[in-house]
Amino acid sequence: MAGAGRSEAPGTDRAETPGLDETDRAVLAFAARGWSSPGARERAIRERLDMSPTRYFQLLNALLDDVHALAYDPVTVNRLRRERQERRDRTR
């Protein structure tokens, strides 16, 4: 679960985050984890999220630009934004 172990403001209910549905929250929670290999990650995407890795990455990329996702899990979203920008900078 994204944010597991992080302290939150009293009365904050992350399950009712406006602008994000259950799938969005599941994708962010999944992205918060580290993976030992791309193959393990892709298998887990299919098994746990019941979607193709391509669809997962499409959703995740869109979430990185979503202010609701940033409010929901700023640590994960900011980390992934930095990683995305580093990849873009390397290909220029």
PDB file of N, CA and C in Angstrom:
ATOM      1  N   MET A   1       0.841  -1.172   0.000  1.00  0.00           N
ATOM      2  CA  MET A   1       0.000   0.000   0.000  1.00  0.00           C
ATOM      3  C   MET A   1       0.884   1.232   0.000  1.00  0.00           C
ATOM      4  N   ALA A   2       0.614   2.160  -0.846  1.00  0.00           N
ATOM      5  CA  ALA A   2       1.395   3.398  -0.880  1.00  0.00           C
ATOM      6  C   ALA A   2       1.229   4.113   0.424  1.00  0.00           C
ATOM      7  N   GLY A   3       2.330   4.606   0.949  1.00  0.00           N
ATOM      8  CA  GLY A   3       2.262   5.382   2.166  1.00  0.00           C
ATOM      9  C   GLY A   3       2.234   4.536   3.416  1.00  0.00           C
ATOM     10  N   ALA A   4       2.271   3.214   3.274  1.00  0.00           N
ATOM     11  CA  ALA A   4       2.244   2.377   4.461  1.00  0.00           C
ATOM     12  C   ALA A   4       3.446   2.714   5.328  1.00  0.00           C
ATOM     13  N   GLY A   5       3.197   2.910   6.587  1.00  0.00           N
ATOM     14  CA  GLY A   5       4.272   3.242   7.498  1.00  0.00           C
ATOM     15  C   GLY A   5       4.554   4.725   7.599  1.00  0.00           C
ATOM     16  N   ARG A   6       3.922   5.523   6.760  1.00  0.00           N
ATOM     17  CA  ARG A   6       4.122   6.965   6.840  1.00  0.00           C
ATOM     18  C   ARG A   6       3.056   7.546   7.730  1.00  0.00           C
ATOM     19  N   SER A   7       3.428   8.549   8.500  1.00  0.00           N
ATOM     20  CA  SER A   7       2.419   9.187   9.333  1.00  0.00           C
ATOM     21  C   SER A   7       1.591  10.131   8.466  1.00  0.00           C
ATOM     22  N   GLU A   8       0.325  10.212   8.793  1.00  0.00           N
ATOM     23  CA  GLU A   8      -0.578  11.068   8.044  1.00  0.00           C
ATOM     24  C   GLU A   8      -1.285  12.001   8.990  1.00  0.00           C
ATOM     25  N   ALA A   9      -1.830  13.050   8.459  1.00  0.00           N
ATOM     26  CA  ALA A   9      -2.570  14.003   9.280  1.00  0.00           C
ATOM     27  C   ALA A   9      -3.762  13.305   9.905  1.00  0.00           C
ATOM     28  N   PRO A  10      -4.070  13.617  11.164  1.00  0.00           N
ATOM     29  CA  PRO A  10      -5.232  13.003  11.797  1.00  0.00           C
ATOM     30  C   PRO A  10      -6.482  13.274  10.982  1.00  0.00           C
ATOM     31  N   GLY A  11      -7.306  12.236  10.858  1.00  0.00           N
ATOM     32  CA  GLY A  11      -8.558  12.382  10.134  1.00  0.00           C
ATOM     33  C   GLY A  11      -8.417  12.220   8.634  1.00  0.00           C
ATOM     34  N   THR A  12      -7.207  11.979   8.134  1.00  0.00           N
ATOM     35  CA  THR A  12      -7.000  11.797   6.707  1.00  0.00           C
ATOM     36  C   THR A  12      -7.375  10.372   6.337  1.00  0.00           C
ATOM     37  N   ASP A  13      -8.251  10.220   5.358  1.00  0.00           N
ATOM     38  CA  ASP A  13      -8.640   8.911   4.877  1.00  0.00           C
ATOM     39  C   ASP A  13      -8.200   8.776   3.436  1.00  0.00           C
ATOM     40  N   ARG A  14      -7.079   8.096   3.224  1.00  0.00           N
ATOM     41  CA  ARG A  14      -6.512   7.976   1.891  1.00  0.00           C
ATOM     42  C   ARG A  14      -7.408   7.177   0.960  1.00  0.00           C
ATOM     43  N   ALA A  15      -8.281   6.328   1.496  1.00  0.00           N
ATOM     44  CA  ALA A  15      -9.167   5.539   0.649  1.00  0.00           C
ATOM     45  C   ALA A  15     -10.186   6.419  -0.060  1.00  0.00           C
ATOM     46  N   GLU A  16     -10.411   7.624   0.433  1.00  0.00           N
ATOM     47  CA  GLU A  16     -11.394   8.516  -0.167  1.00  0.00           C
ATOM     48  C   GLU A  16     -10.728   9.715  -0.847  1.00  0.00           C
ATOM     49  N   THR A  17      -9.568   9.499  -1.411  1.00  0.00           N
ATOM     50  CA  THR A  17      -8.848  10.575  -2.079  1.00  0.00           C
ATOM     51  C   THR A  17      -9.605  11.007  -3.321  1.00  0.00           C
ATOM     52  N   PRO A  18     -10.018  12.287  -3.375  1.00  0.00           N
ATOM     53  CA  PRO A  18     -10.735  12.759  -4.565  1.00  0.00           C
ATOM     54  C   PRO A  18      -9.828  12.713  -5.793  1.00  0.00           C
ATOM     55  N   GLY A  19     -10.403  12.357  -6.925  1.00  0.00           N
ATOM     56  CA  GLY A  19      -9.652  12.366  -8.170  1.00  0.00           C
ATOM     57  C   GLY A  19      -8.914  11.082  -8.479  1.00  0.00           C
ATOM     58  N   LEU A  20      -8.848  10.158  -7.522  1.00  0.00           N
ATOM     59  CA  LEU A  20      -8.169   8.885  -7.751  1.00  0.00           C
ATOM     60  C   LEU A  20      -9.147   7.752  -7.485  1.00  0.00           C
ATOM     61  N   ASP A  21      -9.150   6.780  -8.397  1.00  0.00           N
ATOM     62  CA  ASP A  21      -9.991   5.621  -8.148  1.00  0.00           C
ATOM     63  C   ASP A  21      -9.140   4.493  -7.556  1.00  0.00           C
ATOM     64  N   GLU A  22      -9.769   3.365  -7.324  1.00  0.00           N
ATOM     65  CA  GLU A  22      -9.084   2.233  -6.703  1.00  0.00           C
ATOM     66  C   GLU A  22      -7.902   1.759  -7.544  1.00  0.00           C
ATOM     67  N   THR A  23      -8.069   1.732  -8.862  1.00  0.00           N
ATOM     68  CA  THR A  23      -6.979   1.318  -9.746  1.00  0.00           C
ATOM     69  C   THR A  23      -5.812   2.287  -9.654  1.00  0.00           C
ATOM     70  N   ASP A  24      -6.075   3.587  -9.645  1.00  0.00           N
ATOM     71  CA  ASP A  24      -5.013   4.584  -9.517  1.00  0.00           C
ATOM     72  C   ASP A  24      -4.227   4.371  -8.224  1.00  0.00           C
ATOM     73  N   ARG A  25      -4.943   4.172  -7.131  1.00  0.00           N
ATOM     74  CA  ARG A  25      -4.275   3.963  -5.841  1.00  0.00           C
ATOM     75  C   ARG A  25      -3.460   2.670  -5.840  1.00  0.00           C
ATOM     76  N   ALA A  26      -3.985   1.628  -6.482  1.00  0.00           N
ATOM     77  CA  ALA A  26      -3.257   0.360  -6.559  1.00  0.00           C
ATOM     78  C   ALA A  26      -1.981   0.511  -7.383  1.00  0.00           C
ATOM     79  N   VAL A  27      -2.051   1.261  -8.482  1.00  0.00           N
ATOM     80  CA  VAL A  27      -0.864   1.484  -9.322  1.00  0.00           C
ATOM     81  C   VAL A  27       0.189   2.265  -8.538  1.00  0.00           C
ATOM     82  N   LEU A  28      -0.219   3.281  -7.804  1.00  0.00           N
ATOM     83  CA  LEU A  28       0.742   4.050  -6.999  1.00  0.00           C
ATOM     84  C   LEU A  28       1.346   3.193  -5.896  1.00  0.00           C
ATOM     85  N   ALA A  29       0.536   2.374  -5.259  1.00  0.00           N
ATOM     86  CA  ALA A  29       1.050   1.496  -4.208  1.00  0.00           C
ATOM     87  C   ALA A  29       2.062   0.512  -4.783  1.00  0.00           C
ATOM     88  N   PHE A  30       1.753  -0.024  -5.945  1.00  0.00           N
ATOM     89  CA  PHE A  30       2.657  -0.955  -6.603  1.00  0.00           C
ATOM     90  C   PHE A  30       3.963  -0.260  -6.974  1.00  0.00           C
ATOM     91  N   ALA A  31       3.861   0.956  -7.486  1.00  0.00           N
ATOM     92  CA  ALA A  31       5.045   1.703  -7.914  1.00  0.00           C
ATOM     93  C   ALA A  31       5.939   2.079  -6.739  1.00  0.00           C
ATOM     94  N   ALA A  32       5.382   2.150  -5.555  1.00  0.00           N
ATOM     95  CA  ALA A  32       6.166   2.519  -4.375  1.00  0.00           C
ATOM     96  C   ALA A  32       7.152   1.422  -3.979  1.00  0.00           C
ATOM     97  N   ARG A  33       6.905   0.213  -4.424  1.00  0.00           N
ATOM     98  CA  ARG A  33       7.778  -0.922  -4.095  1.00  0.00           C
ATOM     99  C   ARG A  33       9.016  -0.937  -4.968  1.00  0.00           C
ATOM    100  N   GLY A  34      10.038  -1.584  -4.466  1.00  0.00           N
ATOM    101  CA  GLY A  34      11.242  -1.817  -5.254  1.00  0.00           C
ATOM    102  C   GLY A  34      11.200  -3.232  -5.808  1.00  0.00           C
ATOM    103  N   TRP A  35      11.817  -3.449  -6.947  1.00  0.00           N
ATOM    104  CA  TRP A  35      11.805  -4.772  -7.564  1.00  0.00           C
ATOM    105  C   TRP A  35      13.218  -5.200  -7.882  1.00  0.00           C
ATOM    106  N   SER A  36      13.485  -6.478  -7.698  1.00  0.00           N
ATOM    107  CA  SER A  36      14.828  -7.004  -7.944  1.00  0.00           C
ATOM    108  C   SER A  36      15.125  -7.143  -9.429  1.00  0.00           C
ATOM    109  N   SER A  37      14.074  -7.326 -10.218  1.00  0.00           N
ATOM    110  CA  SER A  37      14.289  -7.462 -11.657  1.00  0.00           C
ATOM    111  C   SER A  37      13.034  -7.028 -12.415  1.00  0.00           C
ATOM    112  N   PRO A  38      13.224  -6.599 -13.661  1.00  0.00           N
ATOM    113  CA  PRO A  38      12.060  -6.218 -14.466  1.00  0.00           C
ATOM    114  C   PRO A  38      11.095  -7.385 -14.684  1.00  0.00           C
ATOM    115  N   GLY A  39      11.634  -8.596 -14.812  1.00  0.00           N
ATOM    116  CA  GLY A  39      10.777  -9.765 -15.019  1.00  0.00           C
ATOM    117  C   GLY A  39       9.860 -10.014 -13.837  1.00  0.00           C
ATOM    118  N   ALA A  40      10.397  -9.896 -12.631  1.00  0.00           N
ATOM    119  CA  ALA A  40       9.578 -10.080 -11.425  1.00  0.00           C
ATOM    120  C   ALA A  40       8.511  -9.000 -11.347  1.00  0.00           C
ATOM    121  N   ARG A  41       8.868  -7.786 -11.694  1.00  0.00           N
ATOM    122  CA  ARG A  41       7.908  -6.687 -11.666  1.00  0.00           C
ATOM    123  C   ARG A  41       6.795  -6.926 -12.679  1.00  0.00           C
ATOM    124  N   GLU A  42       7.146  -7.344 -13.890  1.00  0.00           N
ATOM    125  CA  GLU A  42       6.132  -7.559 -14.919  1.00  0.00           C
ATOM    126  C   GLU A  42       5.182  -8.695 -14.554  1.00  0.00           C
ATOM    127  N   ARG A  43       5.709  -9.767 -13.963  1.00  0.00           N
ATOM    128  CA  ARG A  43       4.839 -10.862 -13.507  1.00  0.00           C
ATOM    129  C   ARG A  43       3.884 -10.375 -12.435  1.00  0.00           C
ATOM    130  N   ALA A  44       4.411  -9.588 -11.503  1.00  0.00           N
ATOM    131  CA  ALA A  44       3.588  -9.073 -10.408  1.00  0.00           C
ATOM    132  C   ALA A  44       2.518  -8.111 -10.928  1.00  0.00           C
ATOM    133  N   ILE A  45       2.837  -7.323 -11.935  1.00  0.00           N
ATOM    134  CA  ILE A  45       1.838  -6.414 -12.530  1.00  0.00           C
ATOM    135  C   ILE A  45       0.671  -7.232 -13.053  1.00  0.00           C
ATOM    136  N   ARG A  46       0.973  -8.287 -13.786  1.00  0.00           N
ATOM    137  CA  ARG A  46      -0.092  -9.129 -14.347  1.00  0.00           C
ATOM    138  C   ARG A  46      -0.902  -9.818 -13.250  1.00  0.00           C
ATOM    139  N   GLU A  47      -0.207 -10.335 -12.239  1.00  0.00           N
ATOM    140  CA  GLU A  47      -0.887 -11.100 -11.190  1.00  0.00           C
ATOM    141  C   GLU A  47      -1.647 -10.213 -10.208  1.00  0.00           C
ATOM    142  N   ARG A  48      -1.040  -9.151  -9.761  1.00  0.00           N
ATOM    143  CA  ARG A  48      -1.638  -8.333  -8.701  1.00  0.00           C
ATOM    144  C   ARG A  48      -2.567  -7.249  -9.213  1.00  0.00           C
ATOM    145  N   LEU A  49      -2.234  -6.672 -10.362  1.00  0.00           N
ATOM    146  CA  LEU A  49      -3.042  -5.577 -10.885  1.00  0.00           C
ATOM    147  C   LEU A  49      -3.964  -6.018 -12.019  1.00  0.00           C
ATOM    148  N   ASP A  50      -3.758  -7.231 -12.506  1.00  0.00           N
ATOM    149  CA  ASP A  50      -4.577  -7.791 -13.577  1.00  0.00           C
ATOM    150  C   ASP A  50      -4.599  -6.876 -14.800  1.00  0.00           C
ATOM    151  N   MET A  51      -3.408  -6.429 -15.197  1.00  0.00           N
ATOM    152  CA  MET A  51      -3.275  -5.615 -16.410  1.00  0.00           C
ATOM    153  C   MET A  51      -1.922  -5.906 -17.027  1.00  0.00           C
ATOM    154  N   SER A  52      -1.768  -5.511 -18.266  1.00  0.00           N
ATOM    155  CA  SER A  52      -0.487  -5.709 -18.941  1.00  0.00           C
ATOM    156  C   SER A  52       0.519  -4.687 -18.409  1.00  0.00           C
ATOM    157  N   PRO A  53       1.797  -5.026 -18.473  1.00  0.00           N
ATOM    158  CA  PRO A  53       2.814  -4.047 -18.074  1.00  0.00           C
ATOM    159  C   PRO A  53       2.720  -2.751 -18.879  1.00  0.00           C
ATOM    160  N   THR A  54       2.383  -2.847 -20.160  1.00  0.00           N
ATOM    161  CA  THR A  54       2.237  -1.636 -20.981  1.00  0.00           C
ATOM    162  C   THR A  54       1.159  -0.731 -20.413  1.00  0.00           C
ATOM    163  N   ARG A  55       0.007  -1.297 -20.077  1.00  0.00           N
ATOM    164  CA  ARG A  55      -1.088  -0.503 -19.521  1.00  0.00           C
ATOM    165  C   ARG A  55      -0.691   0.086 -18.173  1.00  0.00           C
ATOM    166  N   TYR A  56       0.001  -0.701 -17.354  1.00  0.00           N
ATOM    167  CA  TYR A  56       0.473  -0.213 -16.044  1.00  0.00           C
ATOM    168  C   TYR A  56       1.344   1.030 -16.228  1.00  0.00           C
ATOM    169  N   PHE A  57       2.304   0.965 -17.131  1.00  0.00           N
ATOM    170  CA  PHE A  57       3.217   2.091 -17.317  1.00  0.00           C
ATOM    171  C   PHE A  57       2.501   3.295 -17.923  1.00  0.00           C
ATOM    172  N   GLN A  58       1.500   3.057 -18.764  1.00  0.00           N
ATOM    173  CA  GLN A  58       0.702   4.170 -19.281  1.00  0.00           C
ATOM    174  C   GLN A  58      -0.035   4.875 -18.142  1.00  0.00           C
ATOM    175  N   LEU A  59      -0.687   4.098 -17.289  1.00  0.00           N
ATOM    176  CA  LEU A  59      -1.409   4.679 -16.157  1.00  0.00           C
ATOM    177  C   LEU A  59      -0.460   5.389 -15.208  1.00  0.00           C
ATOM    178  N   LEU A  60       0.656   4.743 -14.890  1.00  0.00           N
ATOM    179  CA  LEU A  60       1.614   5.331 -13.969  1.00  0.00           C
ATOM    180  C   LEU A  60       2.154   6.648 -14.513  1.00  0.00           C
ATOM    181  N   ASN A  61       2.491   6.691 -15.780  1.00  0.00           N
ATOM    182  CA  ASN A  61       3.019   7.918 -16.366  1.00  0.00           C
ATOM    183  C   ASN A  61       1.990   9.045 -16.291  1.00  0.00           C
ATOM    184  N   ALA A  62       0.733   8.727 -16.543  1.00  0.00           N
ATOM    185  CA  ALA A  62      -0.324   9.743 -16.431  1.00  0.00           C
ATOM    186  C   ALA A  62      -0.474  10.202 -14.983  1.00  0.00           C
ATOM    187  N   LEU A  63      -0.359   9.279 -14.043  1.00  0.00           N
ATOM    188  CA  LEU A  63      -0.500   9.637 -12.631  1.00  0.00           C
ATOM    189  C   LEU A  63       0.625  10.561 -12.165  1.00  0.00           C
ATOM    190  N   LEU A  64       1.792  10.430 -12.747  1.00  0.00           N
ATOM    191  CA  LEU A  64       2.911  11.286 -12.346  1.00  0.00           C
ATOM    192  C   LEU A  64       2.651  12.750 -12.647  1.00  0.00           C
ATOM    193  N   ASP A  65       1.735  13.012 -13.566  1.00  0.00           N
ATOM    194  CA  ASP A  65       1.378  14.389 -13.919  1.00  0.00           C
ATOM    195  C   ASP A  65       0.060  14.823 -13.290  1.00  0.00           C
ATOM    196  N   ASP A  66      -0.492  14.002 -12.413  1.00  0.00           N
ATOM    197  CA  ASP A  66      -1.806  14.261 -11.808  1.00  0.00           C
ATOM    198  C   ASP A  66      -1.614  14.856 -10.405  1.00  0.00           C
ATOM    199  N   VAL A  67      -2.207  16.013 -10.167  1.00  0.00           N
ATOM    200  CA  VAL A  67      -2.064  16.674  -8.864  1.00  0.00           C
ATOM    201  C   VAL A  67      -2.701  15.853  -7.744  1.00  0.00           C
ATOM    202  N   HIS A  68      -3.718  15.063  -8.057  1.00  0.00           N
ATOM    203  CA  HIS A  68      -4.343  14.214  -7.041  1.00  0.00           C
ATOM    204  C   HIS A  68      -3.392  13.108  -6.592  1.00  0.00           C
ATOM    205  N   ALA A  69      -2.649  12.539  -7.540  1.00  0.00           N
ATOM    206  CA  ALA A  69      -1.662  11.515  -7.210  1.00  0.00           C
ATOM    207  C   ALA A  69      -0.542  12.117  -6.365  1.00  0.00           C
ATOM    208  N   LEU A  70      -0.117  13.323  -6.697  1.00  0.00           N
ATOM    209  CA  LEU A  70       0.917  13.994  -5.922  1.00  0.00           C
ATOM    210  C   LEU A  70       0.448  14.227  -4.491  1.00  0.00           C
ATOM    211  N   ALA A  71      -0.790  14.638  -4.321  1.00  0.00           N
ATOM    212  CA  ALA A  71      -1.330  14.861  -2.978  1.00  0.00           C
ATOM    213  C   ALA A  71      -1.471  13.543  -2.220  1.00  0.00           C
ATOM    214  N   TYR A  72      -1.803  12.474  -2.924  1.00  0.00           N
ATOM    215  CA  TYR A  72      -2.017  11.162  -2.309  1.00  0.00           C
ATOM    216  C   TYR A  72      -0.714  10.539  -1.818  1.00  0.00           C
ATOM    217  N   ASP A  73       0.318  10.554  -2.659  1.00  0.00           N
ATOM    218  CA  ASP A  73       1.600   9.933  -2.294  1.00  0.00           C
ATOM    219  C   ASP A  73       2.753  10.764  -2.850  1.00  0.00           C
ATOM    220  N   PRO A  74       3.051  11.893  -2.201  1.00  0.00           N
ATOM    221  CA  PRO A  74       4.074  12.793  -2.745  1.00  0.00           C
ATOM    222  C   PRO A  74       5.472  12.180  -2.805  1.00  0.00           C
ATOM    223  N   VAL A  75       5.796  11.321  -1.883  1.00  0.00           N
ATOM    224  CA  VAL A  75       7.138  10.723  -1.887  1.00  0.00           C
ATOM    225  C   VAL A  75       7.337   9.871  -3.139  1.00  0.00           C
ATOM    226  N   THR A  76       6.400   8.983  -3.394  1.00  0.00           N
ATOM    227  CA  THR A  76       6.505   8.111  -4.567  1.00  0.00           C
ATOM    228  C   THR A  76       6.433   8.904  -5.860  1.00  0.00           C
ATOM    229  N   VAL A  77       5.469   9.805  -5.970  1.00  0.00           N
ATOM    230  CA  VAL A  77       5.299  10.571  -7.205  1.00  0.00           C
ATOM    231  C   VAL A  77       6.535  11.431  -7.481  1.00  0.00           C
ATOM    232  N   ASN A  78       7.058  12.105  -6.483  1.00  0.00           N
ATOM    233  CA  ASN A  78       8.247  12.937  -6.708  1.00  0.00           C
ATOM    234  C   ASN A  78       9.467  12.099  -7.071  1.00  0.00           C
ATOM    235  N   ARG A  79       9.629  10.937  -6.433  1.00  0.00           N
ATOM    236  CA  ARG A  79      10.753  10.054  -6.766  1.00  0.00           C
ATOM    237  C   ARG A  79      10.644   9.601  -8.219  1.00  0.00           C
ATOM    238  N   LEU A  80       9.460   9.168  -8.619  1.00  0.00           N
ATOM    239  CA  LEU A  80       9.275   8.687  -9.983  1.00  0.00           C
ATOM    240  C   LEU A  80       9.375   9.813 -11.004  1.00  0.00           C
ATOM    241  N   ARG A  81       8.957  11.007 -10.657  1.00  0.00           N
ATOM    242  CA  ARG A  81       9.140  12.157 -11.555  1.00  0.00           C
ATOM    243  C   ARG A  81      10.624  12.427 -11.778  1.00  0.00           C
ATOM    244  N   ARG A  82      11.401  12.380 -10.695  1.00  0.00           N
ATOM    245  CA  ARG A  82      12.857  12.597 -10.822  1.00  0.00           C
ATOM    246  C   ARG A  82      13.479  11.527 -11.720  1.00  0.00           C
ATOM    247  N   GLU A  83      13.098  10.261 -11.494  1.00  0.00           N
ATOM    248  CA  GLU A  83      13.653   9.180 -12.305  1.00  0.00           C
ATOM    249  C   GLU A  83      13.273   9.335 -13.774  1.00  0.00           C
ATOM    250  N   ARG A  84      12.039   9.733 -14.033  1.00  0.00           N
ATOM    251  CA  ARG A  84      11.586   9.944 -15.407  1.00  0.00           C
ATOM    252  C   ARG A  84      12.390  11.068 -16.064  1.00  0.00           C
ATOM    253  N   GLN A  85      12.594  12.158 -15.338  1.00  0.00           N
ATOM    254  CA  GLN A  85      13.353  13.284 -15.885  1.00  0.00           C
ATOM    255  C   GLN A  85      14.806  12.901 -16.140  1.00  0.00           C
ATOM    256  N   GLU A  86      15.393  12.105 -15.248  1.00  0.00           N
ATOM    257  CA  GLU A  86      16.772  11.651 -15.467  1.00  0.00           C
ATOM    258  C   GLU A  86      16.878  10.806 -16.732  1.00  0.00           C
ATOM    259  N   ARG A  87      15.890   9.928 -16.962  1.00  0.00           N
ATOM    260  CA  ARG A  87      15.895   9.113 -18.192  1.00  0.00           C
ATOM    261  C   ARG A  87      15.771  10.015 -19.424  1.00  0.00           C
ATOM    262  N   ARG A  88      14.900  11.016 -19.349  1.00  0.00           N
ATOM    263  CA  ARG A  88      14.725  11.940 -20.481  1.00  0.00           C
ATOM    264  C   ARG A  88      16.012  12.718 -20.746  1.00  0.00           C
ATOM    265  N   ASP A  89      16.663  13.166 -19.689  1.00  0.00           N
ATOM    266  CA  ASP A  89      17.899  13.936 -19.834  1.00  0.00           C
ATOM    267  C   ASP A  89      19.010  13.087 -20.466  1.00  0.00           C
ATOM    268  N   ARG A  90      19.069  11.803 -20.125  1.00  0.00           N
ATOM    269  CA  ARG A  90      20.094  10.918 -20.670  1.00  0.00           C
ATOM    270  C   ARG A  90      19.897  10.665 -22.166  1.00  0.00           C
ATOM    271  N   THR A  91      18.662  10.728 -22.638  1.00  0.00           N
ATOM    272  CA  THR A  91      18.403  10.430 -24.054  1.00  0.00           C
ATOM    273  C   THR A  91      18.512  11.647 -24.947  1.00  0.00           C
ATOM    274  N   ARG A  92      18.745  12.788 -24.376  1.00  0.00           N
ATOM    275  CA  ARG A  92      18.865  14.008 -25.196  1.00  0.00           C
ATOM    276  C   ARG A  92      20.241  14.164 -25.764  1.00  0.00           C
TER     277      ARG A  92
END
